[in-house]
């Protein structure tokens, strides 16, 4: 994968704006310094994240290599998440968005570039 914009396909016909952070610099920056996000950001490769110095709570979905959701959590600012075994990517969005998009463990996601 590469850095840049894409679309996250949640269910057929429902696409969400997506930023892909694949380079070391983009992964390090993530959502730091932002007050929110329109859509989601995919941190790849990654099996854990933190919310240190973040300004808002986020929903986190841990994805396997095939973009199947393995685990979902909401994290408040200034927390450190535990690494998830088998996670290859981490999807981050504003708290509450994953429930609105019906993203939960077992859901298969895809990406349109």
C-alpha atoms as a PDB file:
ATOM      1  CA  UNK A   1       0.000   0.000   0.000  1.00  0.00           C
ATOM      2  CA  UNK A   2       0.998   3.597  -0.398  1.00  0.00           C
ATOM      3  CA  UNK A   3       0.260   6.920   1.319  1.00  0.00           C
ATOM      4  CA  UNK A   4      -2.688   8.830  -0.013  1.00  0.00           C
ATOM      5  CA  UNK A   5      -6.441   9.055  -0.402  1.00  0.00           C
ATOM      6  CA  UNK A   6      -8.736   6.104  -1.083  1.00  0.00           C
ATOM      7  CA  UNK A   7     -12.239   4.893  -0.249  1.00  0.00           C
ATOM      8  CA  UNK A   8     -13.075   2.331   2.427  1.00  0.00           C
ATOM      9  CA  UNK A   9     -15.827  -0.036   1.256  1.00  0.00           C
ATOM     10  CA  UNK A  10     -17.845  -1.050   4.294  1.00  0.00           C
ATOM     11  CA  UNK A  11     -20.768  -2.749   2.578  1.00  0.00           C
ATOM     12  CA  UNK A  12     -21.682  -2.734  -1.110  1.00  0.00           C
ATOM     13  CA  UNK A  13     -22.594   0.796  -2.087  1.00  0.00           C
ATOM     14  CA  UNK A  14     -21.326   2.428   1.141  1.00  0.00           C
ATOM     15  CA  UNK A  15     -17.910   4.058   0.834  1.00  0.00           C
ATOM     16  CA  UNK A  16     -16.096   6.195   3.395  1.00  0.00           C
ATOM     17  CA  UNK A  17     -13.246   8.656   2.687  1.00  0.00           C
ATOM     18  CA  UNK A  18      -9.980   6.988   3.699  1.00  0.00           C
ATOM     19  CA  UNK A  19      -6.415   8.171   4.179  1.00  0.00           C
ATOM     20  CA  UNK A  20      -3.725   5.517   3.918  1.00  0.00           C
ATOM     21  CA  UNK A  21      -0.641   5.996   6.095  1.00  0.00           C
ATOM     22  CA  UNK A  22       1.926   3.452   4.899  1.00  0.00           C
ATOM     23  CA  UNK A  23       5.230   5.341   5.080  1.00  0.00           C
ATOM     24  CA  UNK A  24       7.056   5.624   8.406  1.00  0.00           C
ATOM     25  CA  UNK A  25       6.465   9.390   8.461  1.00  0.00           C
ATOM     26  CA  UNK A  26       2.721   9.121   7.765  1.00  0.00           C
ATOM     27  CA  UNK A  27       2.297   6.292  10.307  1.00  0.00           C
ATOM     28  CA  UNK A  28       4.085   8.333  12.988  1.00  0.00           C
ATOM     29  CA  UNK A  29       1.900  11.387  12.364  1.00  0.00           C
ATOM     30  CA  UNK A  30      -1.426   9.536  12.128  1.00  0.00           C
ATOM     31  CA  UNK A  31      -4.144  11.728  13.638  1.00  0.00           C
ATOM     32  CA  UNK A  32      -1.801  13.817  15.815  1.00  0.00           C
ATOM     33  CA  UNK A  33      -2.468  17.537  15.673  1.00  0.00           C
ATOM     34  CA  UNK A  34      -5.990  17.159  14.310  1.00  0.00           C
ATOM     35  CA  UNK A  35      -9.316  18.065  15.883  1.00  0.00           C
ATOM     36  CA  UNK A  36     -11.201  15.374  13.968  1.00  0.00           C
ATOM     37  CA  UNK A  37     -11.270  13.387  10.735  1.00  0.00           C
ATOM     38  CA  UNK A  38     -13.676  13.172   7.834  1.00  0.00           C
ATOM     39  CA  UNK A  39     -13.787   9.427   7.264  1.00  0.00           C
ATOM     40  CA  UNK A  40     -10.953   7.229   8.535  1.00  0.00           C
ATOM     41  CA  UNK A  41      -7.217   6.631   8.403  1.00  0.00           C
ATOM     42  CA  UNK A  42      -5.588   3.240   7.816  1.00  0.00           C
ATOM     43  CA  UNK A  43      -2.238   2.770   9.565  1.00  0.00           C
ATOM     44  CA  UNK A  44      -0.304   0.032   7.770  1.00  0.00           C
ATOM     45  CA  UNK A  45       1.538  -2.046   8.702  1.00  0.00           C
ATOM     46  CA  UNK A  46       0.586  -1.813  12.353  1.00  0.00           C
ATOM     47  CA  UNK A  47      -0.679  -4.069  15.128  1.00  0.00           C
ATOM     48  CA  UNK A  48      -1.018  -1.451  17.884  1.00  0.00           C
ATOM     49  CA  UNK A  49      -1.536   2.281  18.314  1.00  0.00           C
ATOM     50  CA  UNK A  50      -1.545   4.970  20.968  1.00  0.00           C
ATOM     51  CA  UNK A  51      -3.558   8.129  21.508  1.00  0.00           C
ATOM     52  CA  UNK A  52      -0.843  10.105  23.283  1.00  0.00           C
ATOM     53  CA  UNK A  53      -1.249  13.864  22.620  1.00  0.00           C
ATOM     54  CA  UNK A  54      -4.448  13.300  20.650  1.00  0.00           C
ATOM     55  CA  UNK A  55      -7.295  15.797  21.007  1.00  0.00           C
ATOM     56  CA  UNK A  56     -10.293  13.463  20.667  1.00  0.00           C
ATOM     57  CA  UNK A  57     -11.450   9.915  21.381  1.00  0.00           C
ATOM     58  CA  UNK A  58     -11.197   7.450  18.504  1.00  0.00           C
ATOM     59  CA  UNK A  59     -12.641   4.138  17.404  1.00  0.00           C
ATOM     60  CA  UNK A  60      -9.993   1.591  16.475  1.00  0.00           C
ATOM     61  CA  UNK A  61     -10.502  -1.492  14.306  1.00  0.00           C
ATOM     62  CA  UNK A  62      -7.670  -4.022  14.137  1.00  0.00           C
ATOM     63  CA  UNK A  63      -7.597  -5.716  10.724  1.00  0.00           C
ATOM     64  CA  UNK A  64      -5.894  -8.888   9.516  1.00  0.00           C
ATOM     65  CA  UNK A  65      -3.996  -9.218   6.215  1.00  0.00           C
ATOM     66  CA  UNK A  66      -7.245  -9.671   4.270  1.00  0.00           C
ATOM     67  CA  UNK A  67      -8.815  -6.535   5.871  1.00  0.00           C
ATOM     68  CA  UNK A  68     -11.191  -8.596   8.011  1.00  0.00           C
ATOM     69  CA  UNK A  69     -11.978  -6.889  11.329  1.00  0.00           C
ATOM     70  CA  UNK A  70     -10.409  -8.824  14.213  1.00  0.00           C
ATOM     71  CA  UNK A  71     -11.163  -6.470  17.108  1.00  0.00           C
ATOM     72  CA  UNK A  72     -12.787  -3.080  17.765  1.00  0.00           C
ATOM     73  CA  UNK A  73     -12.199  -0.634  20.638  1.00  0.00           C
ATOM     74  CA  UNK A  74     -12.838   2.988  21.567  1.00  0.00           C
ATOM     75  CA  UNK A  75      -9.817   4.770  22.990  1.00  0.00           C
ATOM     76  CA  UNK A  76      -9.729   8.030  24.919  1.00  0.00           C
ATOM     77  CA  UNK A  77      -6.833  10.462  24.420  1.00  0.00           C
ATOM     78  CA  UNK A  78      -3.498   9.681  26.126  1.00  0.00           C
ATOM     79  CA  UNK A  79      -3.852   5.897  26.151  1.00  0.00           C
ATOM     80  CA  UNK A  80      -1.566   3.135  24.888  1.00  0.00           C
ATOM     81  CA  UNK A  81      -3.229   0.221  23.110  1.00  0.00           C
ATOM     82  CA  UNK A  82      -2.026  -3.334  23.483  1.00  0.00           C
ATOM     83  CA  UNK A  83      -0.687  -5.044  20.354  1.00  0.00           C
ATOM     84  CA  UNK A  84      -3.209  -7.381  18.722  1.00  0.00           C
ATOM     85  CA  UNK A  85      -1.952 -10.757  17.587  1.00  0.00           C
ATOM     86  CA  UNK A  86      -2.570 -11.263  13.847  1.00  0.00           C
ATOM     87  CA  UNK A  87      -3.385  -7.583  13.258  1.00  0.00           C
ATOM     88  CA  UNK A  88      -1.676  -6.218  10.166  1.00  0.00           C
ATOM     89  CA  UNK A  89      -3.504  -2.882   9.822  1.00  0.00           C
ATOM     90  CA  UNK A  90      -5.241  -0.460  12.179  1.00  0.00           C
ATOM     91  CA  UNK A  91      -8.243   1.631  11.105  1.00  0.00           C
ATOM     92  CA  UNK A  92      -8.822   4.812  13.128  1.00  0.00           C
ATOM     93  CA  UNK A  93     -11.820   7.142  13.054  1.00  0.00           C
ATOM     94  CA  UNK A  94     -13.774   9.407  15.411  1.00  0.00           C
ATOM     95  CA  UNK A  95     -15.453   7.661  18.336  1.00  0.00           C
ATOM     96  CA  UNK A  96     -18.884   6.320  17.361  1.00  0.00           C
ATOM     97  CA  UNK A  97     -18.197   6.048  13.622  1.00  0.00           C
ATOM     98  CA  UNK A  98     -17.541   2.292  13.555  1.00  0.00           C
ATOM     99  CA  UNK A  99     -20.928   1.575  15.121  1.00  0.00           C
ATOM    100  CA  UNK A 100     -22.646   3.902  12.610  1.00  0.00           C
ATOM    101  CA  UNK A 101     -20.890   2.087   9.773  1.00  0.00           C
ATOM    102  CA  UNK A 102     -21.745  -1.362  11.258  1.00  0.00           C
ATOM    103  CA  UNK A 103     -18.069  -2.307  11.559  1.00  0.00           C
ATOM    104  CA  UNK A 104     -17.522  -5.044  14.133  1.00  0.00           C
ATOM    105  CA  UNK A 105     -15.364  -8.182  14.461  1.00  0.00           C
ATOM    106  CA  UNK A 106     -15.801 -10.468  11.469  1.00  0.00           C
ATOM    107  CA  UNK A 107     -16.740  -7.769   8.949  1.00  0.00           C
ATOM    108  CA  UNK A 108     -14.795  -7.877   5.676  1.00  0.00           C
ATOM    109  CA  UNK A 109     -13.631  -4.474   4.423  1.00  0.00           C
ATOM    110  CA  UNK A 110     -12.080  -3.490   1.098  1.00  0.00           C
ATOM    111  CA  UNK A 111     -10.338  -0.440  -0.339  1.00  0.00           C
ATOM    112  CA  UNK A 112     -10.933   1.392  -3.632  1.00  0.00           C
ATOM    113  CA  UNK A 113      -8.032   3.516  -4.840  1.00  0.00           C
END
